[in-house]
Amino acid sequence: MTDATPPPDQPLGDQARARIRAELLAATREPSARARRWVVPAAAAASVALVAALTGWATGLLGGGHDGDGVGPATGTSATPTPESTAGPDDGVTPTPTDGDPVPSAPPTPPGSAACVTALEYVLRDAEQAVVFPEEGGGTTSIWVKGGRFSVCDERGGRTTVHQPLPIAPDLDDVATFRVSSRYQPTEGGGYRTIRLAAGVLPDGALDAELDVRYTFPDGHTEQATKITDHQGRVWWRMVYEYDDGGGNETAKPPIEVTVSLSGVRKELTLEWGTDTCAQANHGC
């Protein structure tokens, strides 16, 4: 039979123990060295991944993301498109008209004086001022239109006179078309100053140069009407004459003669005193 009893322990010598200790120390240090070699690459890879993740997050915020619904942060900045240069009204650049643009019209006439508006309230209410004649003899004459009728407003000597309305389409054969308003102002010499005024409009199609209107008064003076064009192209005429009557001509009730020439055709009309010399509507003669 084989003896199963193990041999007794043999003491190790100093050299053997030193060899075993060295092997154990070497085996213990070798795994640590391998671990250290993997730590650095792993940390570097983690850093790269973190930077990539942050970059993708920032890009999604600023660019809106792939689904188009992303909104950048309030403090973010983005490229601002440069606006196109547009010429302003003071840049000296005239815009080029395009098809369909309205044709510019003449500037509108000023609204007129409050005195005329008040005086016309019961004569031609809501009429609008069409034109103003240049001041003459210290007074101003304006034409007011509403619908197919017009009225004359004259402001002179601190008093406002408006005429009875007349049709814009005039009848040159009708004496009413050329009637005058009359005002009498006392003078320092004991007499009075007479002011005669009439106004009208050219017929449609008539040219400015084709119409001539002249008034001949009891004192022998002939006064020619002046003309002016409003912003709608209508031509208006006006006659105003002031004179001192010291000889009593008015008391004799003499007529006033009117000569009308249109396109070479001449007409003579007579204004009867009182009937045709009181065209005003807001006060007596």
Protein backbone atom coordinates (compact mmCIF):
# COMPACT_ATOMS: atom_id res chain seq x y z
CA MET A 1 0.00 0.00 0.00
CA THR A 2 1.00 3.48 -0.59
CA ASP A 3 1.53 5.61 2.49
CA ALA A 4 -1.00 8.54 2.31
CA THR A 5 0.55 10.42 5.08
CA PRO A 6 2.02 13.66 3.72
CA PRO A 7 5.59 14.35 4.40
CA PRO A 8 6.28 16.71 7.21
CA ASP A 9 6.63 20.42 6.47
CA GLN A 10 10.04 21.44 5.42
CA PRO A 11 11.20 24.85 6.47
CA LEU A 12 11.93 27.30 3.57
CA GLY A 13 15.20 28.85 3.34
CA ASP A 14 15.75 32.58 3.20
CA GLN A 15 16.52 32.53 -0.54
CA ALA A 16 13.31 30.65 -1.36
CA ARG A 17 11.17 33.00 0.65
CA ALA A 18 12.73 36.05 -1.09
CA ARG A 19 12.04 34.57 -4.50
CA ILE A 20 8.36 33.87 -3.66
CA ARG A 21 7.89 37.39 -2.21
CA ALA A 22 9.31 38.99 -5.39
CA GLU A 23 6.99 36.96 -7.64
CA LEU A 24 3.95 37.95 -5.58
CA LEU A 25 4.85 41.64 -5.68
CA ALA A 26 5.42 41.50 -9.44
CA ALA A 27 2.05 39.80 -9.98
CA THR A 28 0.33 42.42 -7.84
CA ARG A 29 1.82 45.43 -9.70
CA GLU A 30 1.21 44.14 -13.27
CA PRO A 31 -2.65 44.52 -13.39
CA SER A 32 -2.42 48.07 -11.97
CA ALA A 33 -0.11 49.10 -14.77
CA ARG A 34 -2.52 47.77 -17.39
CA ALA A 35 -5.44 49.59 -15.74
CA ARG A 36 -3.55 52.86 -15.77
CA ARG A 37 -2.90 52.47 -19.50
CA TRP A 38 -6.73 52.32 -20.13
CA VAL A 39 -7.76 55.19 -17.85
CA VAL A 40 -6.31 57.99 -19.99
CA PRO A 41 -7.80 56.85 -23.33
CA ALA A 42 -11.20 56.32 -21.72
CA ALA A 43 -11.19 59.83 -20.21
CA ALA A 44 -10.19 61.39 -23.53
CA ALA A 45 -12.98 59.53 -25.33
CA ALA A 46 -15.49 60.70 -22.74
CA SER A 47 -14.37 64.31 -23.21
CA VAL A 48 -14.77 64.06 -27.00
CA ALA A 49 -18.25 62.59 -26.59
CA LEU A 50 -19.23 65.35 -24.16
CA VAL A 51 -18.06 68.11 -26.55
CA ALA A 52 -19.94 66.50 -29.43
CA ALA A 53 -23.09 66.24 -27.34
CA LEU A 54 -22.90 69.89 -26.25
CA THR A 55 -22.26 71.01 -29.82
CA GLY A 56 -25.29 69.13 -31.08
CA TRP A 57 -27.47 70.59 -28.31
CA ALA A 58 -26.38 74.17 -29.10
CA THR A 59 -26.88 73.64 -32.82
CA GLY A 60 -30.40 72.38 -32.21
CA LEU A 61 -31.26 75.45 -30.15
CA LEU A 62 -29.87 78.01 -32.59
CA GLY A 63 -30.85 76.30 -35.81
CA GLY A 64 -34.34 75.19 -34.84
CA GLY A 65 -33.72 71.43 -34.97
CA HIS A 66 -34.55 69.05 -37.74
CA ASP A 67 -38.33 69.30 -37.25
CA GLY A 68 -38.39 73.08 -37.85
CA ASP A 69 -40.07 73.83 -34.51
CA GLY A 70 -37.00 74.75 -32.54
CA VAL A 71 -36.80 78.29 -31.15
CA GLY A 72 -33.49 79.88 -30.28
CA PRO A 73 -32.85 81.28 -26.82
CA ALA A 74 -33.73 84.89 -26.16
CA THR A 75 -30.09 85.77 -25.63
CA GLY A 76 -28.89 84.02 -28.78
CA THR A 77 -27.71 85.91 -31.83
CA SER A 78 -28.35 85.19 -35.46
CA ALA A 79 -27.48 86.79 -38.78
CA THR A 80 -29.72 89.78 -39.62
CA PRO A 81 -30.48 90.30 -43.34
CA THR A 82 -29.49 93.69 -44.71
CA PRO A 83 -32.64 95.66 -45.76
CA GLU A 84 -32.89 96.86 -49.31
CA SER A 85 -32.31 100.56 -49.79
CA THR A 86 -35.52 102.50 -50.43
CA ALA A 87 -35.50 106.08 -51.65
CA GLY A 88 -37.37 108.41 -49.32
CA PRO A 89 -39.34 111.52 -50.29
CA ASP A 90 -36.30 113.73 -49.70
CA ASP A 91 -33.80 111.59 -51.60
CA GLY A 92 -34.34 113.43 -54.87
CA VAL A 93 -35.56 110.25 -56.59
CA THR A 94 -38.78 110.42 -58.58
CA PRO A 95 -40.67 107.10 -58.43
CA THR A 96 -41.50 105.58 -61.78
CA PRO A 97 -45.28 105.39 -62.28
CA THR A 98 -46.70 101.96 -62.97
CA ASP A 99 -49.77 100.91 -64.88
CA GLY A 100 -52.92 101.55 -62.90
CA ASP A 101 -51.54 104.41 -60.81
CA PRO A 102 -54.02 107.31 -60.58
CA VAL A 103 -53.17 110.43 -62.51
CA PRO A 104 -52.19 113.19 -60.05
CA SER A 105 -54.81 115.90 -59.79
CA ALA A 106 -54.37 119.58 -59.06
CA PRO A 107 -54.18 120.49 -55.35
CA PRO A 108 -57.58 121.10 -53.79
CA THR A 109 -58.83 124.61 -53.17
CA PRO A 110 -58.72 125.86 -49.56
CA PRO A 111 -62.00 125.41 -47.68
CA GLY A 112 -62.81 129.14 -47.77
CA SER A 113 -63.66 131.69 -45.13
CA ALA A 114 -66.07 131.11 -42.28
CA ALA A 115 -67.93 134.29 -43.28
CA CYS A 116 -68.80 132.81 -46.69
CA VAL A 117 -69.83 129.49 -45.16
CA THR A 118 -72.18 131.27 -42.78
CA ALA A 119 -73.62 133.53 -45.47
CA LEU A 120 -74.24 130.56 -47.78
CA GLU A 121 -76.01 128.49 -45.13
CA TYR A 122 -79.48 129.50 -46.35
CA VAL A 123 -78.48 130.14 -49.96
CA LEU A 124 -76.45 127.09 -51.06
CA ARG A 125 -75.78 125.06 -47.94
CA ASP A 126 -72.82 122.68 -47.94
CA ALA A 127 -71.41 124.25 -51.10
CA GLU A 128 -67.65 123.89 -51.53
CA GLN A 129 -65.28 126.61 -52.63
CA ALA A 130 -64.12 126.06 -56.20
CA VAL A 131 -61.85 129.03 -56.83
CA VAL A 132 -60.76 132.40 -55.42
CA PHE A 133 -60.07 135.42 -57.61
CA PRO A 134 -57.08 137.62 -56.86
CA GLU A 135 -57.89 140.44 -54.45
CA GLU A 136 -59.14 143.55 -56.18
CA GLY A 137 -60.27 146.88 -54.73
CA GLY A 138 -59.65 145.66 -51.18
CA GLY A 139 -62.05 142.73 -51.53
CA THR A 140 -61.97 138.99 -52.26
CA THR A 141 -64.36 137.09 -54.53
CA SER A 142 -64.81 133.32 -54.42
CA ILE A 143 -66.99 130.82 -56.28
CA TRP A 144 -68.84 128.08 -54.40
CA VAL A 145 -70.33 124.96 -56.04
CA LYS A 146 -72.84 122.34 -55.00
CA GLY A 147 -74.21 119.87 -57.50
CA GLY A 148 -75.12 121.69 -60.71
CA ARG A 149 -75.33 125.17 -59.19
CA PHE A 150 -72.91 127.81 -57.98
CA SER A 151 -72.97 130.98 -55.93
CA VAL A 152 -70.66 133.97 -55.61
CA CYS A 153 -69.27 135.18 -52.27
CA ASP A 154 -67.65 138.61 -52.05
CA GLU A 155 -65.98 139.94 -48.91
CA ARG A 156 -65.40 143.65 -49.13
CA GLY A 157 -65.41 146.63 -46.80
CA GLY A 158 -66.20 144.49 -43.75
CA ARG A 159 -69.32 143.02 -45.34
CA THR A 160 -70.04 139.67 -47.00
CA THR A 161 -72.32 139.42 -50.03
CA VAL A 162 -73.50 136.15 -51.61
CA HIS A 163 -75.43 135.87 -54.87
CA GLN A 164 -78.49 133.89 -55.79
CA PRO A 165 -77.43 130.45 -57.09
CA LEU A 166 -77.11 129.99 -60.85
CA PRO A 167 -76.73 126.84 -62.98
CA ILE A 168 -73.19 125.76 -63.89
CA ALA A 169 -74.41 125.28 -67.47
CA PRO A 170 -75.05 128.96 -68.32
CA ASP A 171 -77.60 130.35 -70.74
CA LEU A 172 -75.80 133.22 -72.45
CA ASP A 173 -79.09 134.52 -73.85
CA ASP A 174 -80.58 134.92 -70.37
CA VAL A 175 -80.07 138.28 -68.64
CA ALA A 176 -80.08 136.48 -65.26
CA THR A 177 -76.67 135.01 -66.17
CA PHE A 178 -75.13 138.54 -66.10
CA ARG A 179 -77.00 140.23 -63.27
CA VAL A 180 -74.96 142.29 -60.82
CA SER A 181 -75.13 142.73 -57.08
CA SER A 182 -75.13 146.32 -55.76
CA ARG A 183 -73.77 147.82 -52.58
CA TYR A 184 -73.76 151.46 -51.54
CA GLN A 185 -71.31 152.75 -48.96
CA PRO A 186 -71.52 156.34 -47.62
CA THR A 187 -68.50 158.51 -48.32
CA GLU A 188 -67.04 161.41 -46.35
CA GLY A 189 -68.19 163.92 -48.97
CA GLY A 190 -71.84 163.18 -48.34
CA GLY A 191 -72.33 160.91 -51.32
CA TYR A 192 -71.88 157.17 -51.54
CA ARG A 193 -69.69 154.60 -53.23
CA THR A 194 -71.37 152.09 -55.54
CA ILE A 195 -69.99 148.55 -55.87
CA ARG A 196 -71.23 146.36 -58.76
CA LEU A 197 -70.22 142.72 -59.04
CA ALA A 198 -71.08 139.84 -61.35
CA ALA A 199 -69.58 136.41 -62.01
CA GLY A 200 -70.22 133.31 -64.08
CA VAL A 201 -68.73 130.29 -65.80
CA LEU A 202 -67.84 129.49 -69.40
CA PRO A 203 -70.09 126.97 -71.18
CA ASP A 204 -68.71 123.44 -71.58
CA GLY A 205 -66.39 123.21 -74.55
CA ALA A 206 -65.78 126.96 -74.78
CA LEU A 207 -62.15 128.07 -74.67
CA ASP A 208 -60.87 130.76 -72.35
CA ALA A 209 -60.02 133.13 -75.20
CA GLU A 210 -63.42 132.70 -76.87
CA LEU A 211 -65.46 134.53 -74.23
CA ASP A 212 -65.38 138.26 -73.55
CA VAL A 213 -67.77 140.01 -71.15
CA ARG A 214 -67.89 143.82 -70.78
CA TYR A 215 -70.16 146.05 -68.65
CA THR A 216 -70.83 149.69 -69.51
CA PHE A 217 -72.06 151.78 -66.55
CA PRO A 218 -74.08 155.01 -66.32
CA ASP A 219 -70.89 157.03 -65.77
CA GLY A 220 -69.63 155.89 -69.19
CA HIS A 221 -67.01 153.49 -67.85
CA THR A 222 -66.62 150.03 -69.44
CA GLU A 223 -65.28 147.23 -67.23
CA GLN A 224 -64.04 143.95 -68.74
CA ALA A 225 -64.45 140.69 -66.81
CA THR A 226 -61.36 138.76 -65.75
CA LYS A 227 -61.12 134.96 -65.89
CA ILE A 228 -59.59 132.21 -63.77
CA THR A 229 -59.46 128.38 -63.99
CA ASP A 230 -60.26 126.12 -61.05
CA HIS A 231 -58.64 122.77 -60.19
CA GLN A 232 -61.24 120.91 -62.30
CA GLY A 233 -60.45 122.93 -65.41
CA ARG A 234 -63.60 125.07 -65.35
CA VAL A 235 -63.14 128.68 -66.43
CA TRP A 236 -64.86 131.34 -64.32
CA TRP A 237 -65.24 135.04 -65.01
CA ARG A 238 -65.80 137.97 -62.67
CA MET A 239 -66.52 141.68 -63.08
CA VAL A 240 -66.25 144.16 -60.20
CA TYR A 241 -66.47 147.93 -60.49
CA GLU A 242 -66.50 150.57 -57.76
CA TYR A 243 -67.24 154.24 -58.31
CA ASP A 244 -68.38 157.31 -56.41
CA ASP A 245 -71.74 158.65 -57.49
CA GLY A 246 -71.82 162.33 -56.69
CA GLY A 247 -74.03 163.36 -59.58
CA GLY A 248 -77.10 161.35 -58.67
CA ASN A 249 -76.89 158.89 -61.57
CA GLU A 250 -78.31 156.10 -59.43
CA THR A 251 -81.36 158.09 -58.55
CA ALA A 252 -82.12 158.31 -62.25
CA LYS A 253 -82.22 154.49 -62.34
CA PRO A 254 -80.20 154.17 -65.54
CA PRO A 255 -79.68 150.70 -67.08
CA ILE A 256 -76.35 148.90 -67.39
CA GLU A 257 -75.31 147.58 -70.79
CA VAL A 258 -73.58 144.19 -71.17
CA THR A 259 -71.69 143.08 -74.27
CA VAL A 260 -71.01 139.33 -74.56
CA SER A 261 -68.77 137.93 -77.29
CA LEU A 262 -68.34 134.18 -77.76
CA SER A 263 -66.52 132.61 -80.71
CA GLY A 264 -67.02 135.75 -82.81
CA VAL A 265 -70.74 136.05 -81.98
CA ARG A 266 -71.64 139.25 -80.17
CA LYS A 267 -74.71 139.88 -78.04
CA GLU A 268 -76.00 143.07 -76.38
CA LEU A 269 -77.96 142.78 -73.15
CA THR A 270 -79.51 145.42 -70.92
CA LEU A 271 -79.71 145.16 -67.13
CA GLU A 272 -82.74 146.98 -65.81
CA TRP A 273 -82.22 148.97 -62.64
CA GLY A 274 -83.49 147.14 -59.54
CA THR A 275 -84.59 143.99 -61.37
CA ASP A 276 -81.17 143.05 -62.73
CA THR A 277 -78.97 145.00 -60.34
CA CYS A 278 -79.87 143.15 -57.12
CA ALA A 279 -78.34 139.67 -57.56
CA GLN A 280 -77.46 139.35 -53.85
CA ALA A 281 -79.29 136.85 -51.69
CA ASN A 282 -78.33 137.69 -48.09
CA HIS A 283 -79.12 141.40 -47.89
CA GLY A 284 -81.05 144.09 -49.75
CA CYS A 285 -79.84 146.45 -52.43
